[in-house]
Amino acid sequence: VQLQASGGGLVQPGGSLRLSCAASGRTDRIGVMGWYRQAPGKQRELVAQITSGGRTNYADSAKDRFTISRDIAKNTNLQMNSLKPEDTALYYCNAWGTLSLRGREYWGQGTLVTVSS
């Protein structure tokens, strides 16, 4: 499984960005997908997750502002609204394998989001 994240950039406070993660390889073996972020000097943290059945889980900081989605092709998107400077971070796409790939974790290369005026 390979993950390719895109969509980061510079945005003003209050603005929006849409991150995308394209999965390739054994996409039929992908279970939970999600987004994590890592700000300078901080640990990587969960932003949002979505199961293959569509159940979602959000960090408190993302609730009511971010929306995670996924499609049949196992691509996942993160719509981020009302962005704040504290959302500035490197955002990583994440996926867990299932069935024959159960227990395996996959990461994309990260896409930088900068929220600044």
Protein backbone atom coordinates (compact mmCIF):
# COMPACT_ATOMS: atom_id res chain seq x y z
CA VAL A 1 0.00 0.00 0.00
CA GLN A 2 1.29 3.44 -0.93
CA LEU A 3 -0.23 6.74 0.16
CA GLN A 4 0.27 10.05 -1.64
CA ALA A 5 -0.90 13.16 0.18
CA SER A 6 -1.52 16.52 -1.48
CA GLY A 7 -3.37 19.78 -1.03
CA GLY A 8 -1.32 21.61 1.56
CA GLY A 9 -0.41 25.25 1.24
CA LEU A 10 -0.52 28.70 2.77
CA VAL A 11 -3.89 30.00 3.88
CA GLN A 12 -5.05 32.95 5.96
CA PRO A 13 -6.74 32.43 9.33
CA GLY A 14 -10.39 31.59 8.79
CA GLY A 15 -9.71 30.11 5.38
CA SER A 16 -10.16 26.58 4.06
CA LEU A 17 -8.04 23.84 2.56
CA ARG A 18 -8.81 20.38 1.26
CA LEU A 19 -6.20 17.67 1.69
CA SER A 20 -6.32 14.55 -0.43
CA CYS A 21 -4.67 11.18 -0.02
CA ALA A 22 -4.50 8.80 -2.93
CA ALA A 23 -4.00 5.15 -2.08
CA SER A 24 -2.44 2.65 -4.45
CA GLY A 25 -1.32 -0.94 -4.32
CA ARG A 26 -3.46 -3.37 -2.32
CA THR A 27 -6.24 -0.89 -1.66
CA ASP A 28 -8.59 -3.80 -1.11
CA ARG A 29 -6.63 -4.46 2.07
CA ILE A 30 -7.04 -0.99 3.59
CA GLY A 31 -9.11 -0.63 6.74
CA VAL A 32 -9.08 2.53 8.81
CA MET A 33 -7.70 5.64 7.13
CA GLY A 34 -6.83 8.88 8.83
CA TRP A 35 -4.91 12.11 9.04
CA TYR A 36 -2.29 13.01 11.58
CA ARG A 37 -0.31 16.20 11.96
CA GLN A 38 2.95 17.27 13.49
CA ALA A 39 3.71 20.86 14.37
CA PRO A 40 7.29 22.05 14.89
CA GLY A 41 8.59 20.87 18.25
CA LYS A 42 5.51 18.78 18.96
CA GLN A 43 4.59 15.14 18.72
CA ARG A 44 2.53 13.77 15.89
CA GLU A 45 -1.15 13.75 16.79
CA LEU A 46 -4.33 12.30 15.38
CA VAL A 47 -6.60 14.71 13.51
CA ALA A 48 -9.32 12.45 12.14
CA GLN A 49 -10.01 8.84 11.20
CA ILE A 50 -12.58 7.05 9.12
CA THR A 51 -13.35 3.35 8.98
CA SER A 52 -14.17 1.40 5.86
CA GLY A 53 -17.78 1.58 6.98
CA GLY A 54 -17.71 5.35 7.21
CA ARG A 55 -17.49 5.81 10.97
CA THR A 56 -15.48 8.88 11.88
CA ASN A 57 -13.42 9.98 14.83
CA TYR A 58 -12.05 13.49 15.35
CA ALA A 59 -9.61 15.13 17.69
CA ASP A 60 -11.30 17.76 19.83
CA SER A 61 -9.35 20.43 17.97
CA ALA A 62 -10.82 19.27 14.66
CA LYS A 63 -14.45 18.77 15.63
CA ASP A 64 -16.93 21.10 13.92
CA ARG A 65 -14.21 22.47 11.62
CA PHE A 66 -12.74 19.48 9.76
CA THR A 67 -14.50 16.74 7.81
CA ILE A 68 -12.90 13.48 6.77
CA SER A 69 -14.28 11.42 3.91
CA ARG A 70 -13.29 8.49 1.73
CA ASP A 71 -14.41 7.02 -1.55
CA ILE A 72 -14.76 3.54 -3.00
CA ALA A 73 -11.25 3.77 -4.41
CA LYS A 74 -9.95 4.12 -0.83
CA ASN A 75 -8.83 7.70 -1.29
CA THR A 76 -9.41 9.93 1.69
CA ASN A 77 -9.92 13.66 1.94
CA LEU A 78 -9.78 16.13 4.80
CA GLN A 79 -11.81 19.29 4.38
CA MET A 80 -10.50 21.91 6.77
CA ASN A 81 -12.52 25.05 7.44
CA SER A 82 -12.09 27.96 9.81
CA LEU A 83 -8.36 27.33 9.94
CA LYS A 84 -6.34 28.76 12.81
CA PRO A 85 -2.63 29.48 13.10
CA GLU A 86 -2.38 26.57 15.53
CA ASP A 87 -3.43 24.24 12.70
CA THR A 88 -0.06 24.90 11.07
CA ALA A 89 1.68 21.54 10.76
CA LEU A 90 2.86 18.83 8.46
CA TYR A 91 -0.18 16.66 7.75
CA TYR A 92 0.25 12.94 7.15
CA CYS A 93 -2.11 10.47 5.60
CA ASN A 94 -2.33 7.17 7.47
CA ALA A 95 -3.86 3.77 6.83
CA TRP A 96 -4.09 0.43 8.57
CA GLY A 97 -4.12 -2.81 6.70
CA THR A 98 -6.79 -5.44 7.07
CA LEU A 99 -7.19 -9.16 6.25
CA SER A 100 -3.81 -10.39 4.98
CA LEU A 101 -2.28 -6.97 5.81
CA ARG A 102 -3.79 -6.82 9.27
CA GLY A 103 -1.61 -4.97 11.76
CA ARG A 104 0.41 -3.12 9.13
CA GLU A 105 0.48 0.65 9.25
CA TYR A 106 1.16 2.88 6.28
CA TRP A 107 2.10 6.56 6.04
CA GLY A 108 2.11 9.11 3.27
CA GLN A 109 4.91 11.60 2.85
CA GLY A 110 3.20 14.56 4.50
CA THR A 111 1.87 17.81 3.13
CA LEU A 112 2.56 21.16 4.77
CA VAL A 113 -0.28 23.39 5.94
CA THR A 114 0.61 26.91 7.00
CA VAL A 115 -2.05 29.19 8.46
CA SER A 116 -0.79 32.74 8.62
CA SER A 117 -1.78 36.26 7.71
